[in-house]
């Protein structure tokens, strides 16, 4: 199964955010496989994961190097990704430096469409949650200025509304 086929199946099975979900499916229908990749200037699907440590009531955020914002781990799909879930887990592992992450069961937690600087106009982000092992130790990647654990109630003070909504949706799923 191609990554495109997986994305369509994942989105068709996602039960939340029906209007946004349909916009993602319409995008993929219009652009086909190209709608998955960075060169698609009309937008492309991305995969991300909020790294969470439920036992300590905290999440790991990255201070994004280009955007200079505290965000969940994530980014562009790559040709070697077998699925959106695999892309999200790969991105979370690469950007957090935490081995042994596992995705929270149940598929994506949220969808978030956001504008980005050109030439592409938007990311169609499929957002998962990744559970950190008890002994998780983070390591900053080249894509980050910083990594930091934040208590759930601290996130609203440092991150934008999309990250706050992702934390809320993840906590509801937990």
N, C-alpha and C. Protein backbone atom coordinates (compact mmCIF):
# COMPACT_ATOMS: atom_id res chain seq x y z
N UNK A 1 0.85 -1.18 0.00
CA UNK A 1 0.00 0.00 0.00
C UNK A 1 0.89 1.25 0.00
N UNK A 2 0.55 2.20 -0.81
CA UNK A 2 1.34 3.43 -0.88
C UNK A 2 1.01 4.34 0.30
N UNK A 3 1.88 5.30 0.55
CA UNK A 3 1.63 6.28 1.61
C UNK A 3 0.36 7.07 1.31
N UNK A 4 0.14 7.39 0.05
CA UNK A 4 -1.09 8.08 -0.37
C UNK A 4 -2.32 7.24 0.00
N UNK A 5 -2.30 5.95 -0.34
CA UNK A 5 -3.43 5.07 -0.03
C UNK A 5 -3.66 4.99 1.47
N UNK A 6 -2.56 4.90 2.23
CA UNK A 6 -2.68 4.87 3.68
C UNK A 6 -3.32 6.16 4.19
N UNK A 7 -2.88 7.29 3.67
CA UNK A 7 -3.43 8.58 4.12
C UNK A 7 -4.92 8.65 3.87
N UNK A 8 -5.36 8.22 2.70
CA UNK A 8 -6.79 8.23 2.39
C UNK A 8 -7.55 7.34 3.36
N UNK A 9 -7.04 6.14 3.62
CA UNK A 9 -7.70 5.22 4.57
C UNK A 9 -7.74 5.80 5.97
N UNK A 10 -6.63 6.36 6.42
CA UNK A 10 -6.57 6.95 7.76
C UNK A 10 -7.59 8.08 7.88
N UNK A 11 -7.63 8.94 6.88
CA UNK A 11 -8.56 10.07 6.94
C UNK A 11 -10.01 9.62 6.84
N UNK A 12 -10.30 8.64 6.02
CA UNK A 12 -11.67 8.12 5.94
C UNK A 12 -12.11 7.50 7.26
N UNK A 13 -11.16 6.91 7.99
CA UNK A 13 -11.47 6.29 9.27
C UNK A 13 -11.48 7.24 10.45
N UNK A 14 -10.96 8.45 10.25
CA UNK A 14 -10.90 9.43 11.34
C UNK A 14 -12.30 10.01 11.55
N UNK A 15 -12.79 9.96 12.77
CA UNK A 15 -14.18 10.33 13.04
C UNK A 15 -14.37 11.76 13.50
N UNK A 16 -13.31 12.46 13.82
CA UNK A 16 -13.45 13.83 14.30
C UNK A 16 -13.35 14.85 13.17
N UNK A 17 -13.63 16.08 13.49
CA UNK A 17 -13.44 17.23 12.60
C UNK A 17 -13.91 16.95 11.17
N UNK A 18 -15.18 16.66 10.96
CA UNK A 18 -15.65 16.20 9.65
C UNK A 18 -15.40 17.17 8.49
N UNK A 19 -15.54 18.46 8.69
CA UNK A 19 -15.31 19.40 7.59
C UNK A 19 -13.83 19.46 7.20
N UNK A 20 -12.97 19.50 8.20
CA UNK A 20 -11.54 19.54 7.92
C UNK A 20 -11.08 18.22 7.32
N UNK A 21 -11.58 17.13 7.85
CA UNK A 21 -11.26 15.80 7.30
C UNK A 21 -11.63 15.74 5.82
N UNK A 22 -12.80 16.26 5.48
CA UNK A 22 -13.22 16.25 4.08
C UNK A 22 -12.33 17.15 3.23
N UNK A 23 -11.90 18.27 3.78
CA UNK A 23 -10.99 19.16 3.04
C UNK A 23 -9.67 18.43 2.73
N UNK A 24 -9.16 17.64 3.67
CA UNK A 24 -7.95 16.85 3.43
C UNK A 24 -8.20 15.84 2.31
N UNK A 25 -9.33 15.13 2.38
CA UNK A 25 -9.64 14.13 1.37
C UNK A 25 -9.84 14.78 0.00
N UNK A 26 -10.47 15.95 -0.03
CA UNK A 26 -10.64 16.68 -1.30
C UNK A 26 -9.29 17.08 -1.88
N UNK A 27 -8.38 17.53 -1.01
CA UNK A 27 -7.04 17.90 -1.45
C UNK A 27 -6.34 16.70 -2.09
N UNK A 28 -6.41 15.56 -1.43
CA UNK A 28 -5.75 14.36 -1.96
C UNK A 28 -6.42 13.89 -3.24
N UNK A 29 -7.73 14.01 -3.33
CA UNK A 29 -8.43 13.63 -4.54
C UNK A 29 -8.02 14.53 -5.71
N UNK A 30 -7.88 15.81 -5.44
CA UNK A 30 -7.51 16.77 -6.49
C UNK A 30 -6.05 16.63 -6.93
N UNK A 31 -5.15 16.40 -5.98
CA UNK A 31 -3.71 16.41 -6.28
C UNK A 31 -3.09 15.02 -6.36
N UNK A 32 -3.81 13.99 -5.97
CA UNK A 32 -3.28 12.63 -6.01
C UNK A 32 -2.04 12.49 -5.13
N UNK A 33 -1.14 11.61 -5.56
CA UNK A 33 0.09 11.36 -4.79
C UNK A 33 0.88 12.64 -4.51
N UNK A 34 0.85 13.59 -5.45
CA UNK A 34 1.60 14.83 -5.29
C UNK A 34 1.18 15.59 -4.04
N UNK A 35 -0.07 15.43 -3.60
CA UNK A 35 -0.58 16.11 -2.42
C UNK A 35 0.05 15.66 -1.11
N UNK A 36 0.88 14.64 -1.20
CA UNK A 36 1.58 14.12 -0.02
C UNK A 36 2.95 14.76 0.16
N UNK A 37 3.46 15.42 -0.86
CA UNK A 37 4.88 15.77 -0.86
C UNK A 37 5.13 17.27 -0.86
N UNK A 38 6.25 17.64 -0.32
CA UNK A 38 6.66 19.03 -0.16
C UNK A 38 6.58 19.87 -1.43
N UNK A 39 6.90 19.36 -2.62
CA UNK A 39 6.83 20.21 -3.81
C UNK A 39 5.42 20.68 -4.19
N UNK A 40 4.38 20.10 -3.62
CA UNK A 40 3.01 20.49 -3.96
C UNK A 40 2.72 21.86 -3.33
N UNK A 41 2.73 22.91 -4.14
CA UNK A 41 2.60 24.27 -3.62
C UNK A 41 1.19 24.61 -3.15
N UNK A 42 0.21 23.79 -3.52
CA UNK A 42 -1.16 23.99 -3.03
C UNK A 42 -1.32 23.48 -1.60
N UNK A 43 -0.28 22.88 -1.08
CA UNK A 43 -0.30 22.30 0.26
C UNK A 43 0.04 20.83 0.18
N UNK A 44 0.42 20.27 1.32
CA UNK A 44 0.74 18.85 1.36
C UNK A 44 0.52 18.31 2.77
N UNK A 45 0.30 17.01 2.81
CA UNK A 45 0.06 16.33 4.08
C UNK A 45 1.38 16.22 4.85
N UNK A 46 1.30 16.49 6.13
CA UNK A 46 2.43 16.29 7.04
C UNK A 46 1.98 15.40 8.18
N UNK A 47 2.92 14.90 8.95
CA UNK A 47 2.61 14.02 10.08
C UNK A 47 3.37 14.50 11.31
N UNK A 48 2.68 14.56 12.43
CA UNK A 48 3.35 14.99 13.65
C UNK A 48 2.87 14.15 14.83
N UNK A 49 3.60 14.28 15.94
CA UNK A 49 3.22 13.55 17.15
C UNK A 49 3.60 14.38 18.37
N UNK A 50 2.67 14.51 19.27
CA UNK A 50 2.92 15.14 20.56
C UNK A 50 3.52 14.08 21.48
N UNK A 51 4.74 14.30 21.93
CA UNK A 51 5.39 13.36 22.85
C UNK A 51 4.86 13.66 24.25
N UNK A 52 4.29 12.64 24.86
CA UNK A 52 3.62 12.82 26.15
C UNK A 52 4.13 11.81 27.17
N UNK A 53 4.22 12.27 28.41
CA UNK A 53 4.60 11.43 29.55
C UNK A 53 3.44 11.50 30.54
N UNK A 54 2.41 10.65 30.36
CA UNK A 54 1.21 10.75 31.19
C UNK A 54 1.47 10.53 32.68
N UNK A 55 2.46 9.72 33.02
CA UNK A 55 2.72 9.44 34.43
C UNK A 55 3.20 10.69 35.18
N UNK A 56 3.81 11.61 34.44
CA UNK A 56 4.29 12.85 35.06
C UNK A 56 3.46 14.07 34.63
N UNK A 57 2.43 13.85 33.82
CA UNK A 57 1.56 14.94 33.40
C UNK A 57 2.28 16.02 32.60
N UNK A 58 3.06 15.58 31.60
CA UNK A 58 3.85 16.55 30.85
C UNK A 58 3.98 16.15 29.38
N UNK A 59 4.36 17.15 28.57
CA UNK A 59 4.61 16.94 27.15
C UNK A 59 5.97 17.52 26.79
N UNK A 60 6.58 16.95 25.77
CA UNK A 60 7.87 17.42 25.28
C UNK A 60 7.62 18.24 24.02
N UNK A 61 8.04 19.51 24.05
CA UNK A 61 7.89 20.39 22.88
C UNK A 61 9.27 20.79 22.37
N UNK A 62 9.30 21.11 21.09
CA UNK A 62 10.52 21.57 20.45
C UNK A 62 10.39 23.05 20.10
N UNK A 63 11.43 23.78 20.34
CA UNK A 63 11.48 25.17 19.89
C UNK A 63 11.99 25.11 18.45
N UNK A 64 11.07 25.23 17.52
CA UNK A 64 11.36 25.04 16.09
C UNK A 64 12.37 26.07 15.61
N UNK A 65 13.39 25.58 14.92
CA UNK A 65 14.51 26.44 14.50
C UNK A 65 14.06 27.55 13.56
N UNK A 66 13.24 27.24 12.56
CA UNK A 66 12.82 28.25 11.59
C UNK A 66 11.69 29.12 12.11
N UNK A 67 10.70 28.51 12.75
CA UNK A 67 9.51 29.26 13.17
C UNK A 67 9.68 29.93 14.54
N UNK A 68 10.64 29.45 15.31
CA UNK A 68 10.88 29.98 16.66
C UNK A 68 9.62 29.95 17.52
N UNK A 69 8.94 28.81 17.44
CA UNK A 69 7.73 28.56 18.23
C UNK A 69 7.86 27.19 18.88
N UNK A 70 7.23 27.04 20.06
CA UNK A 70 7.17 25.75 20.72
C UNK A 70 6.08 24.92 20.03
N UNK A 71 6.48 23.76 19.50
CA UNK A 71 5.57 22.90 18.74
C UNK A 71 5.77 21.44 19.12
N UNK A 72 4.83 20.61 18.69
CA UNK A 72 5.02 19.16 18.77
C UNK A 72 6.03 18.76 17.70
N UNK A 73 6.54 17.56 17.78
CA UNK A 73 7.49 17.05 16.79
C UNK A 73 6.71 16.72 15.52
N UNK A 74 7.32 16.96 14.37
CA UNK A 74 6.64 16.58 13.14
C UNK A 74 7.25 17.19 11.91
N UNK A 75 6.72 16.79 10.77
CA UNK A 75 7.23 17.35 9.53
C UNK A 75 6.77 16.60 8.31
N UNK A 76 7.55 16.72 7.28
CA UNK A 76 7.20 16.18 5.97
C UNK A 76 7.30 14.67 5.93
N UNK A 77 6.42 14.09 5.14
CA UNK A 77 6.50 12.66 4.86
C UNK A 77 7.70 12.42 3.94
N UNK A 78 8.27 11.24 4.05
CA UNK A 78 9.41 10.87 3.22
C UNK A 78 9.08 9.60 2.45
N UNK A 79 9.72 9.41 1.30
CA UNK A 79 9.40 8.24 0.46
C UNK A 79 9.50 6.90 1.21
N UNK A 80 10.34 6.78 2.20
CA UNK A 80 10.48 5.53 2.93
C UNK A 80 9.41 5.29 3.99
N UNK A 81 8.54 6.26 4.24
CA UNK A 81 7.49 6.09 5.25
C UNK A 81 6.40 5.16 4.72
N UNK A 82 6.11 4.11 5.46
CA UNK A 82 5.10 3.14 5.03
C UNK A 82 3.68 3.62 5.32
N UNK A 83 3.54 4.55 6.27
CA UNK A 83 2.22 5.02 6.68
C UNK A 83 2.36 6.39 7.33
N UNK A 84 1.23 7.08 7.49
CA UNK A 84 1.25 8.35 8.22
C UNK A 84 1.71 8.13 9.65
N UNK A 85 1.24 7.05 10.26
CA UNK A 85 1.66 6.75 11.63
C UNK A 85 3.17 6.55 11.71
N UNK A 86 3.72 5.84 10.74
CA UNK A 86 5.17 5.62 10.72
C UNK A 86 5.92 6.94 10.53
N UNK A 87 5.39 7.83 9.69
CA UNK A 87 6.01 9.14 9.48
C UNK A 87 5.99 9.96 10.77
N UNK A 88 4.85 9.94 11.46
CA UNK A 88 4.74 10.69 12.72
C UNK A 88 5.70 10.14 13.77
N UNK A 89 5.79 8.83 13.87
CA UNK A 89 6.69 8.21 14.85
C UNK A 89 8.15 8.49 14.49
N UNK A 90 8.48 8.43 13.22
CA UNK A 90 9.85 8.74 12.79
C UNK A 90 10.21 10.18 13.14
N UNK A 91 9.33 11.11 12.80
CA UNK A 91 9.59 12.51 13.10
C UNK A 91 9.73 12.74 14.61
N UNK A 92 8.85 12.13 15.40
CA UNK A 92 8.91 12.30 16.85
C UNK A 92 10.21 11.75 17.42
N UNK A 93 10.65 10.62 16.92
CA UNK A 93 11.89 10.01 17.39
C UNK A 93 13.09 10.83 16.98
N UNK A 94 13.13 11.25 15.70
CA UNK A 94 14.25 12.05 15.21
C UNK A 94 14.37 13.38 15.95
N UNK A 95 13.26 14.06 16.11
CA UNK A 95 13.31 15.41 16.69
C UNK A 95 13.42 15.43 18.20
N UNK A 96 12.95 14.38 18.86
CA UNK A 96 13.05 14.34 20.33
C UNK A 96 14.32 13.66 20.81
N UNK A 97 14.85 12.76 19.98
CA UNK A 97 16.00 11.97 20.40
C UNK A 97 15.64 10.88 21.40
N UNK A 98 14.34 10.67 21.62
CA UNK A 98 13.88 9.69 22.61
C UNK A 98 13.62 8.35 21.91
N UNK A 99 14.42 7.32 22.22
CA UNK A 99 14.14 6.00 21.66
C UNK A 99 12.97 5.35 22.41
N UNK A 100 12.30 4.43 21.74
CA UNK A 100 11.25 3.66 22.40
C UNK A 100 9.90 4.34 22.49
N UNK A 101 9.67 5.39 21.70
CA UNK A 101 8.35 6.01 21.67
C UNK A 101 7.35 5.03 21.04
N UNK A 102 6.12 5.07 21.51
CA UNK A 102 5.04 4.28 20.91
C UNK A 102 3.84 5.20 20.70
N UNK A 103 3.16 5.02 19.59
CA UNK A 103 1.99 5.86 19.32
C UNK A 103 0.82 5.43 20.19
N UNK A 104 0.10 6.42 20.66
CA UNK A 104 -1.14 6.19 21.41
C UNK A 104 -2.12 5.49 20.47
N UNK A 105 -2.78 4.46 20.94
CA UNK A 105 -3.71 3.69 20.12
C UNK A 105 -4.88 4.56 19.66
N UNK A 106 -5.46 4.17 18.55
CA UNK A 106 -6.66 4.84 18.09
C UNK A 106 -6.46 5.77 16.91
N UNK A 107 -5.26 5.81 16.35
CA UNK A 107 -5.00 6.64 15.18
C UNK A 107 -4.78 8.09 15.53
N UNK A 108 -4.97 8.97 14.54
CA UNK A 108 -4.70 10.40 14.78
C UNK A 108 -5.55 10.96 15.92
N UNK A 109 -4.97 11.92 16.61
CA UNK A 109 -5.67 12.60 17.70
C UNK A 109 -6.42 13.82 17.17
N UNK A 110 -5.80 14.52 16.20
CA UNK A 110 -6.39 15.73 15.61
C UNK A 110 -5.86 15.95 14.20
N UNK A 111 -6.52 16.85 13.52
CA UNK A 111 -6.03 17.39 12.25
C UNK A 111 -5.82 18.88 12.46
N UNK A 112 -4.81 19.44 11.83
CA UNK A 112 -4.58 20.88 11.92
C UNK A 112 -4.04 21.39 10.60
N UNK A 113 -4.81 22.25 9.95
CA UNK A 113 -4.38 22.88 8.70
C UNK A 113 -3.89 24.28 9.05
N UNK A 114 -2.64 24.57 8.65
CA UNK A 114 -2.08 25.87 8.98
C UNK A 114 -1.27 26.42 7.81
N UNK A 115 -1.31 27.74 7.65
CA UNK A 115 -0.54 28.37 6.58
C UNK A 115 0.95 28.32 6.88
N UNK A 116 1.75 28.29 5.82
CA UNK A 116 3.20 28.29 5.97
C UNK A 116 3.79 29.27 4.96
N UNK A 117 5.02 29.73 5.20
CA UNK A 117 5.67 30.62 4.23
C UNK A 117 5.87 29.91 2.88
N UNK A 118 5.73 30.64 1.80
CA UNK A 118 5.81 30.11 0.44
C UNK A 118 7.13 29.44 0.13
N UNK A 119 7.19 28.71 -0.96
CA UNK A 119 6.21 28.73 -2.05
C UNK A 119 4.96 27.89 -1.77
N UNK A 120 5.02 26.95 -0.87
CA UNK A 120 3.83 26.18 -0.51
C UNK A 120 2.93 27.06 0.35
N UNK A 121 1.63 26.80 0.32
CA UNK A 121 0.70 27.64 1.05
C UNK A 121 0.25 27.08 2.39
N UNK A 122 0.24 25.76 2.53
CA UNK A 122 -0.31 25.18 3.76
C UNK A 122 0.20 23.77 4.03
N UNK A 123 0.19 23.43 5.32
CA UNK A 123 0.41 22.06 5.77
C UNK A 123 -0.93 21.50 6.20
N UNK A 124 -1.18 20.29 5.81
CA UNK A 124 -2.37 19.55 6.23
C UNK A 124 -1.85 18.49 7.21
N UNK A 125 -1.74 18.88 8.46
CA UNK A 125 -1.05 18.05 9.45
C UNK A 125 -1.99 17.02 10.06
N UNK A 126 -1.54 15.77 10.06
CA UNK A 126 -2.24 14.67 10.73
C UNK A 126 -1.47 14.43 12.02
N UNK A 127 -2.14 14.67 13.15
CA UNK A 127 -1.47 14.72 14.44
C UNK A 127 -1.76 13.49 15.30
N UNK A 128 -0.70 12.85 15.74
CA UNK A 128 -0.76 11.69 16.62
C UNK A 128 -0.22 12.08 18.00
N UNK A 129 -0.28 11.15 18.93
CA UNK A 129 0.38 11.31 20.22
C UNK A 129 1.31 10.13 20.42
N UNK A 130 2.51 10.40 20.92
CA UNK A 130 3.51 9.36 21.15
C UNK A 130 3.80 9.28 22.64
N UNK A 131 3.71 8.10 23.20
CA UNK A 131 3.98 7.89 24.62
C UNK A 131 5.47 7.69 24.84
N UNK A 132 6.01 8.47 25.76
CA UNK A 132 7.43 8.37 26.10
C UNK A 132 7.63 7.26 27.13
N UNK A 133 8.72 6.51 27.02
CA UNK A 133 9.03 5.53 28.05
C UNK A 133 9.36 6.24 29.37
N UNK A 134 9.26 5.50 30.46
CA UNK A 134 9.45 6.09 31.80
C UNK A 134 10.83 6.73 31.96
N UNK A 135 11.83 6.20 31.30
CA UNK A 135 13.20 6.70 31.47
C UNK A 135 13.62 7.64 30.33
N UNK A 136 12.65 8.28 29.68
CA UNK A 136 12.93 9.09 28.48
C UNK A 136 13.92 10.22 28.77
N UNK A 137 14.92 10.30 27.92
CA UNK A 137 15.89 11.39 27.95
C UNK A 137 15.93 11.98 26.54
N UNK A 138 15.62 13.25 26.43
CA UNK A 138 15.57 13.91 25.13
C UNK A 138 16.95 14.35 24.67
N UNK A 139 17.08 14.56 23.35
CA UNK A 139 18.33 15.05 22.75
C UNK A 139 17.97 15.97 21.60
N UNK A 140 18.47 17.17 21.62
CA UNK A 140 18.13 18.19 20.63
C UNK A 140 18.68 17.79 19.26
N UNK A 141 17.81 17.92 18.25
CA UNK A 141 18.21 17.63 16.86
C UNK A 141 18.62 18.93 16.17
N UNK A 142 19.07 18.79 14.93
CA UNK A 142 19.46 19.95 14.13
C UNK A 142 18.27 20.86 13.81
N UNK A 143 17.05 20.33 13.91
CA UNK A 143 15.86 21.11 13.56
C UNK A 143 15.34 21.95 14.72
N UNK A 144 15.94 21.80 15.89
CA UNK A 144 15.43 22.46 17.09
C UNK A 144 16.43 23.42 17.68
N UNK A 145 15.91 24.48 18.27
CA UNK A 145 16.75 25.35 19.08
C UNK A 145 16.80 24.85 20.52
N UNK A 146 15.71 24.18 20.94
CA UNK A 146 15.62 23.69 22.31
C UNK A 146 14.55 22.61 22.36
N UNK A 147 14.62 21.77 23.37
CA UNK A 147 13.58 20.80 23.72
C UNK A 147 13.30 20.99 25.20
N UNK A 148 12.02 20.92 25.55
CA UNK A 148 11.71 21.11 26.96
C UNK A 148 10.40 20.40 27.31
N UNK A 149 10.40 19.80 28.50
CA UNK A 149 9.17 19.21 29.03
C UNK A 149 8.35 20.31 29.68
N UNK A 150 7.05 20.30 29.40
CA UNK A 150 6.12 21.24 30.00
C UNK A 150 4.97 20.48 30.64
N UNK A 151 4.58 20.90 31.86
CA UNK A 151 3.37 20.35 32.48
C UNK A 151 2.19 20.72 31.59
N UNK A 152 1.16 19.89 31.61
CA UNK A 152 0.00 20.14 30.76
C UNK A 152 -0.49 21.58 30.88
N UNK A 153 -0.58 22.08 32.12
CA UNK A 153 -1.14 23.42 32.32
C UNK A 153 -0.17 24.55 31.97
N UNK A 154 1.06 24.24 31.62
CA UNK A 154 2.03 25.26 31.19
C UNK A 154 1.99 25.51 29.68
N UNK A 155 1.42 24.59 28.93
CA UNK A 155 1.49 24.66 27.47
C UNK A 155 0.83 25.93 26.93
N UNK A 156 -0.31 26.31 27.47
CA UNK A 156 -1.02 27.50 26.98
C UNK A 156 -0.18 28.76 27.14
N UNK A 157 0.76 28.78 28.05
CA UNK A 157 1.61 29.94 28.27
C UNK A 157 2.79 30.05 27.32
N UNK A 158 3.08 28.96 26.58
CA UNK A 158 4.26 28.98 25.70
C UNK A 158 3.96 28.66 24.24
N UNK A 159 2.85 27.98 23.97
CA UNK A 159 2.56 27.49 22.62
C UNK A 159 1.29 28.13 22.07
N UNK A 160 1.11 27.98 20.77
CA UNK A 160 -0.08 28.55 20.15
C UNK A 160 -1.30 27.65 20.36
N UNK A 161 -2.44 28.13 19.89
CA UNK A 161 -3.71 27.45 20.13
C UNK A 161 -3.75 26.04 19.53
N UNK A 162 -3.07 25.82 18.40
CA UNK A 162 -3.10 24.48 17.80
C UNK A 162 -2.44 23.45 18.71
N UNK A 163 -1.37 23.83 19.37
CA UNK A 163 -0.69 22.90 20.28
C UNK A 163 -1.54 22.68 21.53
N UNK A 164 -2.17 23.74 22.02
CA UNK A 164 -3.05 23.62 23.19
C UNK A 164 -4.19 22.65 22.88
N UNK A 165 -4.80 22.78 21.70
CA UNK A 165 -5.89 21.87 21.32
C UNK A 165 -5.39 20.43 21.18
N UNK A 166 -4.16 20.26 20.68
CA UNK A 166 -3.60 18.92 20.56
C UNK A 166 -3.38 18.30 21.94
N UNK A 167 -2.88 19.08 22.87
CA UNK A 167 -2.69 18.58 24.24
C UNK A 167 -4.05 18.19 24.83
N UNK A 168 -5.05 19.03 24.66
CA UNK A 168 -6.38 18.74 25.20
C UNK A 168 -6.95 17.47 24.61
N UNK A 169 -6.83 17.30 23.29
CA UNK A 169 -7.36 16.11 22.63
C UNK A 169 -6.59 14.86 23.07
N UNK A 170 -5.29 15.00 23.25
CA UNK A 170 -4.48 13.86 23.72
C UNK A 170 -4.88 13.46 25.13
N UNK A 171 -5.05 14.44 25.99
CA UNK A 171 -5.45 14.13 27.38
C UNK A 171 -6.82 13.47 27.42
N UNK A 172 -7.73 13.90 26.55
CA UNK A 172 -9.05 13.29 26.50
C UNK A 172 -8.94 11.83 26.04
N UNK A 173 -8.04 11.55 25.11
CA UNK A 173 -7.85 10.19 24.62
C UNK A 173 -7.20 9.31 25.68
N UNK A 174 -6.30 9.89 26.48
CA UNK A 174 -5.63 9.11 27.53
C UNK A 174 -6.64 8.63 28.55
